């Protein structure tokens, strides 16, 4: 049978397949709302950890579980999203995810103990873990292969702006209102998103024929949760040899390896690793994985530099990160259009070069580095980010057929989650180990180092000579610079897998549009 190309018709007017019409943009709006809630929530909560320590009279290790519990819930539920999307339909599952996330947010605001807050964060994570892979699936099916680049650029906006806007929003809400509002703000957004999804998303056409892979679930979900728990515990323990680090990491890794060996046997595995036979998907996901480790890990330290070295407030640190988001907003729409026309292997290396150029500045930071230089470097990095992440994700999903899109987006999201956790933990451990080399101050009780005194001096009066404080600040700045050097080397390492991205135009799968195309298809032979 000859290949049939769809010409989408809205009413009586034919819409070229490479244009984003109103119906597709309406669907994109639903997904962006969910992505904004999910991604902002991670970064907003990160700035509230000191507040949680005071409110709940808890240690930092205890309040850190508000982040770790959310991450572990994400890791547990993401592998299920591909099967569940095929079994129950993307619309129903997406609305369930929105409901769980919104309900979890409302409950978090009512927490009276740190244990309650962690439990409610887990409920949030169960919903949030499904929002991103399901959103990618919905948008890919709605847009079709010829428009996926532009539509993924729309989804990329909250993915890149979340780490920038989160600290600003979180700092403002905590200062102007109270900590409860960082969760309450999700409730009206979630309610709007639920109503919007009910009317905007196309009717489900589930495929209930596939059996559920219970054995695979018993290996993969606990394996990912254990592995990420160990990784998340690494910065606090300070060493890999700590039992709470290596034991769950090794146990989780063994379970994941067992799943990989097993997954090729069942006809319908929980996570279809057979998709990696698609060279385009393999190269793209590997490139994205290395990029996430390199950039997202070090990227979390940028606001920490402004807080700990320069003594800025949380709100001010968030505002200083804004140029990065502005740069990404400028290039992302352009990158989305180019991804639909030009092979990503010809554009992504140039975007990565911008990231590397901007990143290098941070390897030279000191106690008085020009804000103009730093903000300019963040802007250049933002330009590169806008032309990197979403084009790679577009390349990963473009050649998959309709049935494989949900499972492909699940693979991509799992690797993103693992890469982000590994990158964050690695950079945190390196920075902590550098700071621990600081000279102890004689006569202090309890004993503190020059670095600890310098950081504390931004918030309280420290009875030490200014020369000691300055020396401590210089040591902290040098510790950040050393850590950024590691991040810079990892950024350069990203060029290796990127070199194998497709440099020739690849044909999309003929049935990639499939379900979810919202216009009336007219078949042209």
Protein backbone atom coordinates (compact mmCIF):
# COMPACT_ATOMS: atom_id res chain seq x y z
CA UNK A 1 0.00 0.00 0.00
CA UNK A 2 1.50 3.34 -0.95
CA UNK A 3 2.34 5.83 1.79
CA UNK A 4 -0.60 8.12 2.55
CA UNK A 5 0.02 11.69 3.62
CA UNK A 6 -2.55 13.54 5.72
CA UNK A 7 -3.68 17.02 4.81
CA UNK A 8 -5.49 18.39 7.86
CA UNK A 9 -8.67 20.33 7.22
CA UNK A 10 -10.36 22.59 9.73
CA UNK A 11 -13.82 23.41 8.47
CA UNK A 12 -13.36 24.01 4.74
CA UNK A 13 -9.89 25.53 4.87
CA UNK A 14 -6.88 23.28 4.40
CA UNK A 15 -4.15 23.80 6.99
CA UNK A 16 -0.60 23.00 5.91
CA UNK A 17 0.75 20.20 8.11
CA UNK A 18 3.69 22.30 9.31
CA UNK A 19 1.55 25.08 10.81
CA UNK A 20 0.36 25.09 14.41
CA UNK A 21 -3.37 25.77 14.20
CA UNK A 22 -5.64 26.89 17.03
CA UNK A 23 -6.85 23.37 17.87
CA UNK A 24 -3.33 22.05 18.43
CA UNK A 25 -2.30 25.14 20.41
CA UNK A 26 -5.36 24.64 22.62
CA UNK A 27 -4.11 21.17 23.50
CA UNK A 28 -0.62 22.56 24.07
CA UNK A 29 -2.08 25.03 26.58
CA UNK A 30 -3.37 22.17 28.75
CA UNK A 31 0.00 20.45 28.77
CA UNK A 32 1.93 23.65 29.50
CA UNK A 33 -0.30 24.37 32.53
CA UNK A 34 0.48 20.92 33.93
CA UNK A 35 4.19 21.28 33.19
CA UNK A 36 4.32 24.68 34.89
CA UNK A 37 2.82 23.26 38.09
CA UNK A 38 5.05 20.19 38.11
CA UNK A 39 8.36 21.90 37.35
CA UNK A 40 7.83 25.10 39.34
CA UNK A 41 6.88 23.04 42.39
CA UNK A 42 10.33 21.40 42.52
CA UNK A 43 12.26 24.68 42.47
CA UNK A 44 9.80 26.63 44.62
CA UNK A 45 10.06 24.08 47.43
CA UNK A 46 13.87 24.04 47.24
CA UNK A 47 14.07 27.65 48.49
CA UNK A 48 11.65 26.90 51.35
CA UNK A 49 13.82 24.26 53.07
CA UNK A 50 15.30 26.71 55.65
CA UNK A 51 11.76 27.89 56.42
CA UNK A 52 10.61 24.29 56.97
CA UNK A 53 13.47 23.80 59.45
CA UNK A 54 12.19 26.70 61.55
CA UNK A 55 8.45 25.97 61.20
CA UNK A 56 8.69 22.26 62.03
CA UNK A 57 11.75 22.40 64.33
CA UNK A 58 13.48 19.87 62.09
CA UNK A 59 17.02 19.24 60.88
CA UNK A 60 18.09 19.89 57.30
CA UNK A 61 18.28 16.13 56.69
CA UNK A 62 14.63 15.79 57.77
CA UNK A 63 13.28 18.65 55.66
CA UNK A 64 15.31 17.44 52.66
CA UNK A 65 12.89 14.54 52.52
CA UNK A 66 10.28 16.95 51.17
CA UNK A 67 12.43 16.96 48.01
CA UNK A 68 13.59 13.33 48.16
CA UNK A 69 10.09 11.93 48.75
CA UNK A 70 8.76 13.83 45.74
CA UNK A 71 11.64 12.56 43.57
CA UNK A 72 11.13 8.94 44.67
CA UNK A 73 7.42 9.15 43.89
CA UNK A 74 8.29 10.46 40.41
CA UNK A 75 10.68 7.57 39.84
CA UNK A 76 8.07 5.03 40.96
CA UNK A 77 5.23 6.22 38.75
CA UNK A 78 7.00 7.33 35.54
CA UNK A 79 7.63 3.74 34.31
CA UNK A 80 3.91 3.00 34.61
CA UNK A 81 2.80 5.96 32.49
CA UNK A 82 3.56 4.39 29.10
CA UNK A 83 1.46 1.28 29.73
CA UNK A 84 -1.29 3.22 31.51
CA UNK A 85 -1.56 5.73 28.63
CA UNK A 86 -2.23 2.89 26.19
CA UNK A 87 -4.53 1.03 28.57
CA UNK A 88 -6.74 3.85 29.89
CA UNK A 89 -6.16 6.69 27.42
CA UNK A 90 -4.06 9.82 27.78
CA UNK A 91 -6.94 12.20 28.59
CA UNK A 92 -8.25 10.20 31.55
CA UNK A 93 -4.79 9.55 32.93
CA UNK A 94 -3.66 13.16 32.49
CA UNK A 95 -6.72 14.42 34.35
CA UNK A 96 -6.07 11.89 37.14
CA UNK A 97 -2.47 13.12 37.38
CA UNK A 98 -3.70 16.73 37.61
CA UNK A 99 -6.17 15.76 40.32
CA UNK A 100 -3.55 13.93 42.41
CA UNK A 101 -1.08 16.79 42.09
CA UNK A 102 -3.67 19.45 42.99
CA UNK A 103 -5.01 17.41 45.93
CA UNK A 104 -1.46 16.80 47.17
CA UNK A 105 -0.73 20.53 46.95
CA UNK A 106 -3.79 21.43 49.01
CA UNK A 107 -2.90 18.84 51.66
CA UNK A 108 0.71 20.07 51.85
CA UNK A 109 -0.56 23.49 52.92
CA UNK A 110 -2.40 21.86 55.85
CA UNK A 111 0.62 19.91 57.17
CA UNK A 112 1.34 20.36 60.89
CA UNK A 113 4.46 18.17 61.04
CA UNK A 114 7.38 17.39 58.78
CA UNK A 115 6.17 13.77 58.51
CA UNK A 116 2.79 14.91 57.19
CA UNK A 117 4.43 17.27 54.71
CA UNK A 118 6.68 14.51 53.34
CA UNK A 119 3.68 12.16 52.97
CA UNK A 120 1.67 14.76 51.09
CA UNK A 121 4.70 15.52 48.87
CA UNK A 122 4.76 11.84 47.89
CA UNK A 123 1.11 12.15 46.80
CA UNK A 124 2.07 15.22 44.79
CA UNK A 125 4.90 13.28 43.16
CA UNK A 126 2.59 10.45 42.10
CA UNK A 127 0.62 12.98 40.07
CA UNK A 128 3.57 15.10 38.99
CA UNK A 129 5.49 12.08 37.74
CA UNK A 130 2.85 11.37 35.10
CA UNK A 131 2.30 14.95 33.94
CA UNK A 132 5.47 15.36 31.86
CA UNK A 133 5.58 12.00 29.99
CA UNK A 134 1.83 12.13 29.36
CA UNK A 135 2.07 15.75 28.23
CA UNK A 136 4.81 14.87 25.73
CA UNK A 137 2.72 11.97 24.44
CA UNK A 138 -0.41 14.09 24.03
CA UNK A 139 1.45 16.86 22.20
CA UNK A 140 3.38 14.49 19.93
CA UNK A 141 0.20 12.72 18.85
CA UNK A 142 -1.67 15.98 18.35
CA UNK A 143 1.01 17.68 16.28
CA UNK A 144 2.18 14.81 14.11
CA UNK A 145 5.77 14.32 12.95
CA UNK A 146 5.96 17.44 10.77
CA UNK A 147 5.16 19.84 13.60
CA UNK A 148 6.65 18.15 16.64
CA UNK A 149 9.64 20.51 16.80
CA UNK A 150 7.52 23.63 17.13
CA UNK A 151 5.17 22.04 19.63
CA UNK A 152 7.99 20.67 21.77
CA UNK A 153 9.41 24.20 21.86
CA UNK A 154 6.14 25.27 23.49
CA UNK A 155 6.49 22.53 26.11
CA UNK A 156 10.14 23.47 26.65
CA UNK A 157 9.30 26.94 27.95
CA UNK A 158 8.17 25.77 31.43
CA UNK A 159 10.96 23.15 31.49
CA UNK A 160 13.63 25.83 31.11
CA UNK A 161 11.94 28.67 32.98
CA UNK A 162 11.00 26.54 36.00
CA UNK A 163 14.48 26.59 37.60
CA UNK A 164 14.63 30.36 37.04
CA UNK A 165 11.14 31.50 38.02
CA UNK A 166 10.82 29.01 40.90
CA UNK A 167 13.27 30.71 43.27
CA UNK A 168 11.79 34.13 42.45
CA UNK A 169 8.22 32.98 43.06
CA UNK A 170 9.13 30.95 46.15
CA UNK A 171 11.14 33.77 47.70
CA UNK A 172 8.36 36.30 47.08
CA UNK A 173 5.56 34.07 48.42
CA UNK A 174 7.46 33.22 51.59
CA UNK A 175 8.40 36.86 52.23
CA UNK A 176 5.02 38.38 51.30
CA UNK A 177 2.68 35.63 52.57
CA UNK A 178 3.74 32.37 54.24
CA UNK A 179 5.20 28.99 53.29
CA UNK A 180 1.72 27.50 52.80
CA UNK A 181 1.25 29.66 49.70
CA UNK A 182 3.97 27.87 47.74
CA UNK A 183 1.51 24.95 47.71
CA UNK A 184 -1.82 26.80 47.72
CA UNK A 185 -0.92 28.60 44.49
CA UNK A 186 -1.19 25.23 42.69
CA UNK A 187 -4.82 24.72 43.69
CA UNK A 188 -6.51 27.33 41.42
CA UNK A 189 -4.08 26.52 38.58
CA UNK A 190 -4.85 22.82 38.95
CA UNK A 191 -8.62 23.46 38.97
CA UNK A 192 -8.34 25.56 35.80
CA UNK A 193 -6.16 22.90 34.15
CA UNK A 194 -8.69 20.15 34.97
CA UNK A 195 -11.60 22.05 33.41
CA UNK A 196 -9.43 23.06 30.45
CA UNK A 197 -8.34 19.43 29.91
CA UNK A 198 -11.92 18.17 29.97
CA UNK A 199 -12.91 20.41 27.07
CA UNK A 200 -9.65 20.68 25.10
CA UNK A 201 -8.14 17.19 25.01
CA UNK A 202 -9.40 14.79 22.33
CA UNK A 203 -11.52 11.81 23.31
CA UNK A 204 -9.56 8.77 24.44
CA UNK A 205 -9.12 5.69 22.27
CA UNK A 206 -7.48 3.30 24.73
CA UNK A 207 -5.92 0.01 23.65
CA UNK A 208 -6.78 -2.43 26.47
CA UNK A 209 -5.31 -5.50 24.77
CA UNK A 210 -1.86 -5.33 26.39
CA UNK A 211 -1.28 -7.16 29.67
CA UNK A 212 0.40 -5.40 32.57
CA UNK A 213 4.00 -6.38 33.32
CA UNK A 214 3.79 -6.92 37.11
CA UNK A 215 7.17 -8.64 37.33
CA UNK A 216 8.80 -5.77 35.47
CA UNK A 217 7.15 -3.26 37.81
CA UNK A 218 8.44 -5.13 40.87
CA UNK A 219 11.97 -4.74 39.53
CA UNK A 220 12.03 -1.34 37.82
CA UNK A 221 10.01 0.98 40.07
CA UNK A 222 11.65 -0.09 43.38
CA UNK A 223 15.02 -0.24 41.58
CA UNK A 224 14.76 3.37 40.41
CA UNK A 225 13.46 4.53 43.80
CA UNK A 226 16.30 2.82 45.71
CA UNK A 227 18.96 4.08 43.31
CA UNK A 228 17.74 7.68 43.46
CA UNK A 229 17.40 7.47 47.26
CA UNK A 230 21.06 6.52 47.50
CA UNK A 231 22.08 9.27 45.10
CA UNK A 232 20.00 11.83 47.03
CA UNK A 233 21.62 10.76 50.31
CA UNK A 234 25.15 11.19 48.95
CA UNK A 235 25.49 14.99 49.54
CA UNK A 236 24.33 14.69 53.16
CA UNK A 237 26.59 11.71 53.93
CA UNK A 238 29.51 13.28 52.07
CA UNK A 239 30.92 9.93 50.97
CA UNK A 240 29.86 7.03 48.79
CA UNK A 241 31.05 4.54 51.42
CA UNK A 242 28.21 5.47 53.81
CA UNK A 243 25.77 2.57 54.16
CA UNK A 244 22.75 4.78 53.42
CA UNK A 245 24.40 5.71 50.11
CA UNK A 246 26.04 2.62 48.62
CA UNK A 247 23.55 0.00 49.84
CA UNK A 248 20.40 1.48 48.20
CA UNK A 249 22.39 2.58 45.14
CA UNK A 250 23.85 -0.90 44.55
CA UNK A 251 20.54 -2.63 45.37
CA UNK A 252 18.64 -0.33 43.05
CA UNK A 253 21.22 -0.71 40.27
CA UNK A 254 21.02 -4.53 40.53
CA UNK A 255 17.21 -4.42 40.27
CA UNK A 256 17.41 -2.11 37.24
CA UNK A 257 20.02 -4.38 35.59
CA UNK A 258 17.79 -7.40 36.28
CA UNK A 259 14.90 -5.56 34.64
CA UNK A 260 17.02 -4.72 31.58
CA UNK A 261 17.95 -8.40 31.13
CA UNK A 262 14.34 -9.48 31.66
CA UNK A 263 12.62 -6.78 29.59
CA UNK A 264 13.36 -8.38 26.21
CA UNK A 265 11.40 -11.55 27.11
CA UNK A 266 7.76 -10.41 27.57
CA UNK A 267 5.78 -9.25 24.56
CA UNK A 268 4.67 -6.08 26.36
CA UNK A 269 7.33 -5.07 28.95
CA UNK A 270 6.74 -2.24 31.40
CA UNK A 271 9.50 -0.24 29.70
CA UNK A 272 10.11 -1.17 26.08
CA UNK A 273 13.90 -1.13 25.70
CA UNK A 274 13.47 -2.53 22.19
CA UNK A 275 12.87 1.06 21.17
CA UNK A 276 16.61 1.59 21.47
CA UNK A 277 16.97 -0.36 18.24
CA UNK A 278 15.95 2.96 16.74
CA UNK A 279 19.38 4.58 16.37
CA UNK A 280 17.87 8.07 16.32
CA UNK A 281 16.16 7.52 19.68
CA UNK A 282 19.30 5.98 21.20
CA UNK A 283 21.67 8.78 20.18
CA UNK A 284 19.19 11.50 21.13
CA UNK A 285 18.41 10.10 24.59
CA UNK A 286 22.12 9.54 25.31
CA UNK A 287 22.87 13.14 24.29
CA UNK A 288 20.05 14.39 26.50
CA UNK A 289 21.18 12.23 29.43
CA UNK A 290 24.76 13.58 29.36
CA UNK A 291 23.48 17.15 28.87
CA UNK A 292 21.15 16.88 31.89
CA UNK A 293 23.95 15.54 34.12
CA UNK A 294 26.31 18.30 33.00
CA UNK A 295 24.08 21.34 32.96
CA UNK A 296 21.25 20.70 35.41
CA UNK A 297 23.66 19.54 38.12
CA UNK A 298 25.87 22.60 37.93
CA UNK A 299 22.94 24.86 37.06
CA UNK A 300 21.47 24.39 40.54
CA UNK A 301 24.66 25.92 41.98
CA UNK A 302 24.33 29.23 40.13
CA UNK A 303 21.78 30.70 42.59
CA UNK A 304 23.76 29.16 45.50
CA UNK A 305 26.78 31.24 44.45
CA UNK A 306 24.73 34.43 44.64
CA UNK A 307 23.34 33.39 48.05
CA UNK A 308 26.48 32.09 49.78
CA UNK A 309 29.26 34.15 48.23
CA UNK A 310 27.56 37.42 47.37
CA UNK A 311 25.03 37.41 50.24
CA UNK A 312 21.96 38.10 48.08
CA UNK A 313 18.45 37.24 49.25
CA UNK A 314 16.54 34.36 47.71
CA UNK A 315 14.42 36.78 45.69
CA UNK A 316 17.45 38.73 44.46
CA UNK A 317 19.28 35.51 43.52
CA UNK A 318 16.25 34.43 41.51
CA UNK A 319 16.12 37.77 39.70
CA UNK A 320 19.82 37.54 38.86
CA UNK A 321 19.07 34.21 37.16
CA UNK A 322 16.40 35.80 34.95
CA UNK A 323 18.74 36.57 31.98
CA UNK A 324 19.11 32.84 31.44
CA UNK A 325 15.37 32.47 31.00
CA UNK A 326 15.19 35.48 28.70
CA UNK A 327 17.88 33.99 26.48
CA UNK A 328 16.05 30.65 26.32
CA UNK A 329 12.76 32.34 25.43
CA UNK A 330 14.41 34.12 22.51
CA UNK A 331 15.93 31.04 20.87
CA UNK A 332 13.45 28.30 21.74
CA UNK A 333 10.74 29.23 19.19
CA UNK A 334 13.41 29.59 16.51
CA UNK A 335 14.96 26.25 17.46
CA UNK A 336 11.52 24.62 17.33
CA UNK A 337 10.95 25.81 13.76
CA UNK A 338 14.46 24.80 12.71
CA UNK A 339 14.01 21.33 14.23
CA UNK A 340 11.12 20.75 11.83
CA UNK A 341 13.23 21.75 8.83
CA UNK A 342 16.93 21.17 9.58
CA UNK A 343 18.49 18.02 11.12
CA UNK A 344 19.30 18.67 14.78
CA UNK A 345 22.85 17.43 14.25
CA UNK A 346 23.53 20.63 12.31
CA UNK A 347 22.09 23.08 14.87
CA UNK A 348 22.57 21.61 18.36
CA UNK A 349 26.43 21.76 18.32
CA UNK A 350 26.27 25.54 17.81
CA UNK A 351 23.81 25.90 20.71
CA UNK A 352 26.07 23.76 22.93
CA UNK A 353 29.01 26.00 22.01
CA UNK A 354 27.06 28.97 23.42
CA UNK A 355 26.42 27.06 26.65
CA UNK A 356 30.10 26.17 26.97
CA UNK A 357 31.17 29.78 26.32
CA UNK A 358 28.80 31.16 28.95
CA UNK A 359 29.60 28.40 31.44
CA UNK A 360 33.35 29.10 31.30
CA UNK A 361 32.83 32.46 33.02
CA UNK A 362 31.65 30.70 36.17
CA UNK A 363 34.91 28.75 36.41
CA UNK A 364 36.56 32.13 37.08
CA UNK A 365 34.18 33.47 39.76
CA UNK A 366 35.46 35.34 42.80
CA UNK A 367 34.00 37.41 45.60
CA UNK A 368 33.50 40.50 43.43
CA UNK A 369 33.03 39.21 39.88
CA UNK A 370 31.04 41.73 37.82
CA UNK A 371 27.28 41.09 37.82
CA UNK A 372 27.20 42.45 34.27
CA UNK A 373 29.63 39.73 33.20
CA UNK A 374 27.79 36.99 35.11
CA UNK A 375 24.32 38.00 33.89
CA UNK A 376 25.66 38.34 30.33
CA UNK A 377 27.11 34.83 30.58
CA UNK A 378 23.78 33.48 31.88
CA UNK A 379 22.03 35.15 28.94
CA UNK A 380 24.42 33.46 26.47
CA UNK A 381 23.86 30.13 28.22
CA UNK A 382 20.11 30.67 27.97
CA UNK A 383 20.42 31.24 24.23
CA UNK A 384 22.18 27.89 24.01
CA UNK A 385 19.69 26.09 26.26
CA UNK A 386 16.80 27.20 24.08
CA UNK A 387 18.47 25.56 21.09
CA UNK A 388 19.55 22.35 22.78
CA UNK A 389 17.13 20.46 25.01
CA UNK A 390 13.90 20.54 23.03
CA UNK A 391 15.46 19.92 19.59
CA UNK A 392 17.15 16.80 21.02
CA UNK A 393 13.84 15.62 22.50
CA UNK A 394 12.17 16.32 19.17
CA UNK A 395 14.76 14.18 17.41
CA UNK A 396 14.21 11.37 19.91
CA UNK A 397 10.47 11.11 19.29
CA UNK A 398 10.13 12.14 15.65
CA UNK A 399 10.67 8.73 14.04
CA UNK A 400 8.53 6.72 16.49
CA UNK A 401 5.17 5.43 15.32
CA UNK A 402 1.90 6.27 17.06
CA UNK A 403 1.93 3.26 19.38
CA UNK A 404 5.53 3.82 20.53
CA UNK A 405 5.22 7.53 21.34
CA UNK A 406 3.94 7.01 24.90
CA UNK A 407 6.66 4.48 25.68
CA UNK A 408 9.34 6.59 24.01
CA UNK A 409 8.44 9.68 26.03
CA UNK A 410 8.51 7.53 29.18
CA UNK A 411 12.07 6.44 28.38
CA UNK A 412 13.13 10.05 27.82
CA UNK A 413 11.60 11.23 31.11
CA UNK A 414 13.15 8.42 33.15
CA UNK A 415 16.61 9.22 31.80
CA UNK A 416 16.02 12.93 32.51
CA UNK A 417 15.06 12.14 36.11
CA UNK A 418 18.08 9.89 36.67
CA UNK A 419 20.46 12.32 34.95
CA UNK A 420 19.19 15.29 36.94
CA UNK A 421 19.54 13.42 40.24
CA UNK A 422 23.05 12.19 39.42
CA UNK A 423 24.16 15.64 38.26
CA UNK A 424 22.75 17.42 41.32
CA UNK A 425 24.24 14.92 43.75
CA UNK A 426 27.65 14.93 42.04
CA UNK A 427 27.96 18.72 42.03
CA UNK A 428 26.72 18.97 45.64
CA UNK A 429 29.23 16.37 46.84
CA UNK A 430 32.13 18.12 45.05
CA UNK A 431 31.17 21.52 46.47
CA UNK A 432 30.70 20.11 49.97
CA UNK A 433 34.06 18.34 49.88
CA UNK A 434 35.75 21.57 48.78
CA UNK A 435 34.09 23.61 51.54
CA UNK A 436 35.08 21.01 54.14
CA UNK A 437 38.75 21.78 53.41
CA UNK A 438 38.33 25.23 54.95
CA UNK A 439 40.52 26.07 57.97
CA UNK A 440 38.83 25.71 61.40
CA UNK A 441 38.75 28.89 63.49
CA UNK A 442 40.59 28.39 66.82
CA UNK A 443 38.61 28.95 69.99
CA UNK A 444 35.11 28.61 68.48
CA UNK A 445 32.57 26.41 70.28
CA UNK A 446 31.09 24.52 68.59
CA UNK A 447 34.02 24.54 66.12
CA UNK A 448 33.31 26.30 62.82
CA UNK A 449 35.45 26.89 59.74
CA UNK A 450 36.27 30.17 58.00
CA UNK A 451 33.94 29.19 55.16
CA UNK A 452 31.02 28.53 57.53
CA UNK A 453 31.61 31.85 59.31
CA UNK A 454 31.79 33.72 56.00
CA UNK A 455 28.49 32.26 54.76
CA UNK A 456 26.80 32.93 58.11
CA UNK A 457 28.02 36.53 58.11
CA UNK A 458 25.52 37.38 55.36
CA UNK A 459 22.61 36.72 57.74
CA UNK A 460 23.89 37.24 61.31
CA UNK A 461 26.60 39.24 63.01
CA UNK A 462 29.73 37.13 63.37
CA UNK A 463 32.22 38.35 66.06
CA UNK A 464 35.30 37.82 63.91
CA UNK A 465 37.78 40.22 62.28
CA UNK A 466 36.74 41.36 58.76
CA UNK A 467 39.96 39.87 57.39
CA UNK A 468 38.90 36.40 58.56
CA UNK A 469 35.46 36.81 56.99
CA UNK A 470 36.98 38.01 53.71
CA UNK A 471 39.42 35.12 53.68
CA UNK A 472 36.52 32.72 54.23
CA UNK A 473 34.50 34.30 51.41
CA UNK A 474 37.43 33.96 49.04
CA UNK A 475 37.73 30.29 49.97
CA UNK A 476 33.99 29.72 49.34
CA UNK A 477 34.23 31.48 45.96
CA UNK A 478 37.20 29.29 45.02
CA UNK A 479 35.24 26.18 46.04
CA UNK A 480 32.42 27.20 43.70
CA UNK A 481 34.92 27.89 40.90
CA UNK A 482 36.46 24.42 41.31
CA UNK A 483 33.03 22.79 41.21
CA UNK A 484 32.10 24.78 38.10
CA UNK A 485 35.28 23.50 36.43
CA UNK A 486 33.95 19.95 36.85
CA UNK A 487 30.63 21.05 35.39
CA UNK A 488 32.42 22.73 32.48
CA UNK A 489 34.32 19.51 31.67
CA UNK A 490 31.01 17.61 31.70
CA UNK A 491 29.51 20.21 29.34
CA UNK A 492 32.42 19.63 26.96
CA UNK A 493 31.82 15.87 27.24
CA UNK A 494 28.29 16.43 25.91
CA UNK A 495 29.79 17.23 22.50
CA UNK A 496 30.74 13.54 22.10
CA UNK A 497 27.20 12.05 21.86
CA UNK A 498 25.94 15.21 20.11
CA UNK A 499 28.41 14.50 17.27
CA UNK A 500 26.34 11.42 16.41
CA UNK A 501 22.98 13.23 16.16
CA UNK A 502 21.42 12.96 12.67
CA UNK A 503 22.90 15.40 10.16
CA UNK A 504 20.56 14.35 7.35
CA UNK A 505 16.83 14.85 7.10
CA UNK A 506 15.07 11.75 8.49
CA UNK A 507 11.67 10.56 7.39
CA UNK A 508 9.10 10.53 10.17
CA UNK A 509 7.09 7.40 10.84
CA UNK A 510 4.03 7.34 8.52
CA UNK A 511 1.63 6.73 11.43
CA UNK A 512 3.31 9.01 13.95
CA UNK A 513 0.42 11.47 13.98
CA UNK A 514 -2.15 8.80 14.69
CA UNK A 515 -4.56 9.30 17.53
CA UNK A 516 -4.92 12.77 18.91
CA UNK A 517 -4.80 14.60 15.58
CA UNK A 518 -7.60 17.01 16.18
CA UNK A 519 -8.45 18.02 12.63
CA UNK A 520 -10.45 15.97 10.15
CA UNK A 521 -7.92 13.98 8.07
CA UNK A 522 -8.27 13.90 4.30
CA UNK A 523 -6.15 11.17 2.77
CA UNK A 524 -4.14 12.13 -0.30
CA UNK A 525 -2.54 9.28 -2.25
